[in-house]
Amino acid sequence: LTAVVKLDASLRDNLAEIHQFVGSVNQGELPGGSFDVKGDYHLTRHTGQLEVRLTDLNQNALAPLLSGALGENKLESVSINLSGSARAEVEGQSTVKGELQVANLLVKDPEGQAPSNPLRLGLLFDTSLNKQVLELRTVQLTLDETARAKQQVSLTGSLDLARSNGVAGQLKLSAESLDFTPCYEMFANRNRPTNHVESTQPQAASAASNTEPGPIQLDRKSVV
């Protein structure tokens, strides 16, 4: 892997600024993605802001890094895009918000048993911290819709982090229906020993054991 980086930064009157911090990653002649970062931070006021953009981080950059974790499987394709921002205010409200998109995620296995349909997911987040109270305005995960589920789960609420003996607050997790079967089928460990002995004892096949259970309906509740 190779990377090309350009940085333009300054420090003046206790203000550190990143005017431009951009770069790209390549595997040989194959593009692996790019990033763009800018922001500033005041060293005495302890306030600042940061903007991050990640564009098309793909298999050319990630496959060599994930080869050990995937084992015999191979990251065939993926495209990751991120747009986010953060703002820090010691005496006021600090925020983190953005959107993450993962598209065309496809993992292949040597036996060819993994599904050939790529996966896609999106994460939308909008949070803030003010006087040690964490507000989760929006944390929403969206997967590809299936025949069983709409594939969207949301988390909202607030947590008081000021207590030394625990965390108090209220969280609400809601989802009409979820189906993680496509994710399991793509990432399940299919490595099996090749030198096994077949049993000579016949086993009765159970029709119930080969039937996938029905979906579980999640009630919308608050967690305190």
Protein backbone atom coordinates (compact mmCIF):
# COMPACT_ATOMS: atom_id res chain seq x y z
CA LEU A 1 0.00 0.00 0.00
CA THR A 2 1.10 3.55 -0.70
CA ALA A 3 -0.33 6.86 0.49
CA VAL A 4 -0.05 10.40 -0.80
CA VAL A 5 -0.71 13.08 1.83
CA LYS A 6 -0.87 16.88 1.70
CA LEU A 7 -0.97 18.94 4.90
CA ASP A 8 -1.43 22.68 5.37
CA ALA A 9 -1.59 23.68 9.05
CA SER A 10 -0.73 26.65 11.22
CA LEU A 11 -0.42 27.74 14.86
CA ARG A 12 -0.95 31.38 15.71
CA ASP A 13 -2.27 33.17 18.80
CA ASN A 14 -2.99 29.84 20.54
CA LEU A 15 -5.16 28.74 17.61
CA ALA A 16 -4.10 25.54 15.84
CA GLU A 17 -5.68 25.22 12.41
CA ILE A 18 -5.77 22.45 9.85
CA HIS A 19 -6.49 24.31 6.65
CA GLN A 20 -6.09 21.23 4.50
CA PHE A 21 -5.23 17.62 5.28
CA VAL A 22 -6.00 15.43 2.30
CA GLY A 23 -4.66 12.13 1.07
CA SER A 24 -5.27 9.05 -1.00
CA VAL A 25 -4.40 5.37 -0.62
CA ASN A 26 -3.41 3.06 -3.47
CA GLN A 27 -2.48 -0.56 -3.95
CA GLY A 28 -0.13 -0.41 -6.89
CA GLU A 29 -2.06 1.44 -9.56
CA LEU A 30 -5.45 0.63 -8.00
CA PRO A 31 -7.12 3.45 -6.02
CA GLY A 32 -8.08 2.54 -2.47
CA GLY A 33 -9.88 5.68 -1.31
CA SER A 34 -9.25 9.22 -0.14
CA PHE A 35 -9.80 11.41 2.90
CA ASP A 36 -10.18 15.11 3.66
CA VAL A 37 -9.82 16.60 7.15
CA LYS A 38 -10.02 20.22 8.29
CA GLY A 39 -10.59 21.97 11.59
CA ASP A 40 -9.21 24.11 14.39
CA TYR A 41 -8.58 24.03 18.14
CA HIS A 42 -7.94 26.88 20.58
CA LEU A 43 -5.27 25.84 23.07
CA THR A 44 -6.42 28.09 25.94
CA ARG A 45 -10.17 28.18 25.44
CA HIS A 46 -10.25 24.44 24.72
CA THR A 47 -12.77 24.82 21.96
CA GLY A 48 -12.57 23.53 18.43
CA GLN A 49 -14.22 21.89 15.48
CA LEU A 50 -13.35 19.12 13.07
CA GLU A 51 -14.73 17.98 9.72
CA VAL A 52 -13.89 14.58 8.26
CA ARG A 53 -14.76 13.16 4.87
CA LEU A 54 -13.83 9.66 3.73
CA THR A 55 -14.49 8.81 0.08
CA ASP A 56 -14.66 5.32 -1.44
CA LEU A 57 -12.41 3.45 0.97
CA ASN A 58 -12.51 0.11 -0.85
CA GLN A 59 -11.16 -3.41 -1.09
CA ASN A 60 -7.87 -2.28 -2.64
CA ALA A 61 -6.91 -0.63 0.65
CA LEU A 62 -8.74 -2.88 3.12
CA ALA A 63 -8.19 -6.39 1.75
CA PRO A 64 -4.47 -6.55 2.69
CA LEU A 65 -5.24 -5.25 6.19
CA LEU A 66 -8.12 -7.68 6.81
CA SER A 67 -6.56 -10.80 5.32
CA GLY A 68 -5.53 -12.14 8.73
CA ALA A 69 -8.97 -11.62 10.24
CA LEU A 70 -10.82 -13.17 7.28
CA GLY A 71 -8.60 -16.26 7.09
CA GLU A 72 -9.21 -18.15 3.87
CA ASN A 73 -12.03 -15.82 2.94
CA LYS A 74 -11.40 -12.80 0.71
CA LEU A 75 -12.81 -9.32 0.71
CA GLU A 76 -14.03 -9.14 -2.86
CA SER A 77 -15.49 -5.63 -2.83
CA VAL A 78 -16.59 -2.80 -0.54
CA SER A 79 -17.05 0.96 -0.69
CA ILE A 80 -17.07 3.03 2.51
CA ASN A 81 -18.03 6.69 2.62
CA LEU A 82 -18.11 8.86 5.74
CA SER A 83 -19.07 12.45 6.30
CA GLY A 84 -18.85 13.72 9.86
CA SER A 85 -18.23 16.73 12.04
CA ALA A 86 -17.43 17.39 15.68
CA ARG A 87 -17.47 20.52 17.79
CA ALA A 88 -15.94 20.87 21.27
CA GLU A 89 -17.09 23.46 23.81
CA VAL A 90 -15.80 22.99 27.37
CA GLU A 91 -18.32 25.41 28.88
CA GLY A 92 -21.08 24.66 26.40
CA GLN A 93 -22.37 21.93 24.17
CA SER A 94 -20.11 19.55 22.25
CA THR A 95 -21.54 17.69 19.28
CA VAL A 96 -20.70 14.79 17.01
CA LYS A 97 -22.80 14.12 13.93
CA GLY A 98 -22.42 12.46 10.58
CA GLU A 99 -23.34 9.67 8.21
CA LEU A 100 -21.57 6.42 7.34
CA GLN A 101 -22.40 4.41 4.22
CA VAL A 102 -21.04 0.93 3.48
CA ALA A 103 -21.98 -0.37 0.02
CA ASN A 104 -21.18 -3.33 -2.18
CA LEU A 105 -19.79 -5.41 0.72
CA LEU A 106 -18.97 -8.86 -0.61
CA VAL A 107 -16.83 -11.56 1.00
CA LYS A 108 -15.93 -14.71 -0.95
CA ASP A 109 -14.91 -18.08 0.48
CA PRO A 110 -12.82 -20.79 -1.26
CA GLU A 111 -15.74 -23.25 -1.32
CA GLY A 112 -18.01 -20.74 -3.03
CA GLN A 113 -20.71 -21.18 -0.37
CA ALA A 114 -20.97 -17.51 0.59
CA PRO A 115 -23.86 -15.54 -0.95
CA SER A 116 -23.03 -13.60 -4.10
CA ASN A 117 -25.34 -10.69 -3.25
CA PRO A 118 -23.40 -7.75 -1.75
CA LEU A 119 -24.53 -6.17 1.51
CA ARG A 120 -25.18 -2.53 2.27
CA LEU A 121 -25.62 -0.63 5.52
CA GLY A 122 -25.97 2.95 6.65
CA LEU A 123 -25.41 4.63 10.00
CA LEU A 124 -26.76 8.07 10.83
CA PHE A 125 -25.70 9.68 14.12
CA ASP A 126 -26.32 12.99 15.87
CA THR A 127 -25.14 13.27 19.49
CA SER A 128 -24.21 15.99 21.95
CA LEU A 129 -22.59 16.36 25.37
CA ASN A 130 -23.49 19.26 27.64
CA LYS A 131 -22.61 19.43 31.35
CA GLN A 132 -21.89 15.68 31.36
CA VAL A 133 -25.29 14.83 29.90
CA LEU A 134 -25.01 12.77 26.74
CA GLU A 135 -27.88 13.24 24.31
CA LEU A 136 -28.47 10.68 21.59
CA ARG A 137 -30.70 12.62 19.25
CA THR A 138 -30.35 10.14 16.42
CA VAL A 139 -28.46 6.87 16.12
CA GLN A 140 -30.01 4.93 13.25
CA LEU A 141 -28.73 1.78 11.58
CA THR A 142 -30.21 0.71 8.26
CA LEU A 143 -29.55 -2.58 6.46
CA ASP A 144 -30.79 -3.91 3.13
CA GLU A 145 -34.48 -4.70 3.41
CA THR A 146 -35.36 -8.39 3.16
CA ALA A 147 -38.59 -10.31 2.72
CA ARG A 148 -38.72 -10.79 6.50
CA ALA A 149 -37.77 -7.36 7.81
CA LYS A 150 -37.56 -3.65 7.08
CA GLN A 151 -34.07 -3.60 8.62
CA GLN A 152 -33.99 -0.30 10.48
CA VAL A 153 -33.17 0.16 14.17
CA SER A 154 -33.03 3.46 16.06
CA LEU A 155 -31.54 4.44 19.40
CA THR A 156 -32.43 7.70 21.15
CA GLY A 157 -32.28 9.02 24.69
CA SER A 158 -29.98 10.64 27.23
CA LEU A 159 -27.43 9.55 29.82
CA ASP A 160 -26.22 11.51 32.85
CA LEU A 161 -22.49 10.85 33.21
CA ALA A 162 -21.98 13.11 36.22
CA ARG A 163 -22.67 10.43 38.84
CA SER A 164 -19.57 8.73 40.19
CA ASN A 165 -21.34 5.51 41.19
CA GLY A 166 -23.20 4.81 37.98
CA VAL A 167 -24.93 6.14 34.90
CA ALA A 168 -28.52 7.37 34.95
CA GLY A 169 -30.73 8.10 31.99
CA GLN A 170 -33.25 6.81 29.54
CA LEU A 171 -32.67 5.01 26.26
CA LYS A 172 -35.20 3.94 23.66
CA LEU A 173 -34.32 1.19 21.19
CA SER A 174 -36.88 0.67 18.46
CA ALA A 175 -37.08 -1.57 15.42
CA GLU A 176 -40.11 -2.89 13.60
CA SER A 177 -38.27 -6.01 12.41
CA LEU A 178 -34.67 -7.17 11.88
CA ASP A 179 -33.18 -10.01 9.86
CA PHE A 180 -29.46 -10.69 10.25
CA THR A 181 -29.49 -13.83 8.10
CA PRO A 182 -27.66 -12.23 5.12
CA CYS A 183 -24.86 -10.99 7.43
CA TYR A 184 -24.53 -14.37 9.12
CA GLU A 185 -24.41 -16.23 5.83
CA MET A 186 -21.65 -13.99 4.50
CA PHE A 187 -19.40 -14.00 7.56
CA ALA A 188 -20.12 -17.43 9.07
CA ASN A 189 -17.04 -19.61 9.55
CA ARG A 190 -17.20 -22.31 6.91
CA ASN A 191 -13.81 -23.84 7.56
CA ARG A 192 -14.28 -27.59 8.00
CA PRO A 193 -11.70 -30.35 8.46
CA THR A 194 -11.04 -32.26 5.26
CA ASN A 195 -9.92 -35.53 6.92
CA HIS A 196 -13.07 -36.57 8.74
CA VAL A 197 -14.65 -39.99 9.05
CA GLU A 198 -18.22 -40.48 7.98
CA SER A 199 -20.43 -42.12 10.55
CA THR A 200 -21.85 -45.49 9.58
CA GLN A 201 -24.83 -45.08 11.86
CA PRO A 202 -27.85 -43.66 10.07
CA GLN A 203 -29.36 -40.62 11.70
CA ALA A 204 -32.96 -39.70 11.39
CA ALA A 205 -33.41 -36.36 9.72
CA SER A 206 -35.57 -33.93 11.58
CA ALA A 207 -37.69 -31.65 9.47
CA ALA A 208 -37.99 -29.23 12.36
CA SER A 209 -34.22 -28.90 12.69
CA ASN A 210 -33.94 -27.74 9.06
CA THR A 211 -36.67 -25.13 9.43
CA GLU A 212 -35.58 -21.61 10.19
CA PRO A 213 -37.50 -20.09 13.10
CA GLY A 214 -39.82 -17.22 12.42
CA PRO A 215 -38.84 -13.58 13.02
CA ILE A 216 -38.86 -12.14 16.52
CA GLN A 217 -40.93 -9.00 16.88
CA LEU A 218 -39.22 -6.34 18.99
CA ASP A 219 -41.44 -4.18 21.17
CA ARG A 220 -40.57 -0.53 21.48
CA LYS A 221 -39.58 0.00 25.09
CA SER A 222 -37.58 2.41 27.21
CA VAL A 223 -34.53 1.32 29.17
CA VAL A 224 -33.93 3.27 32.37
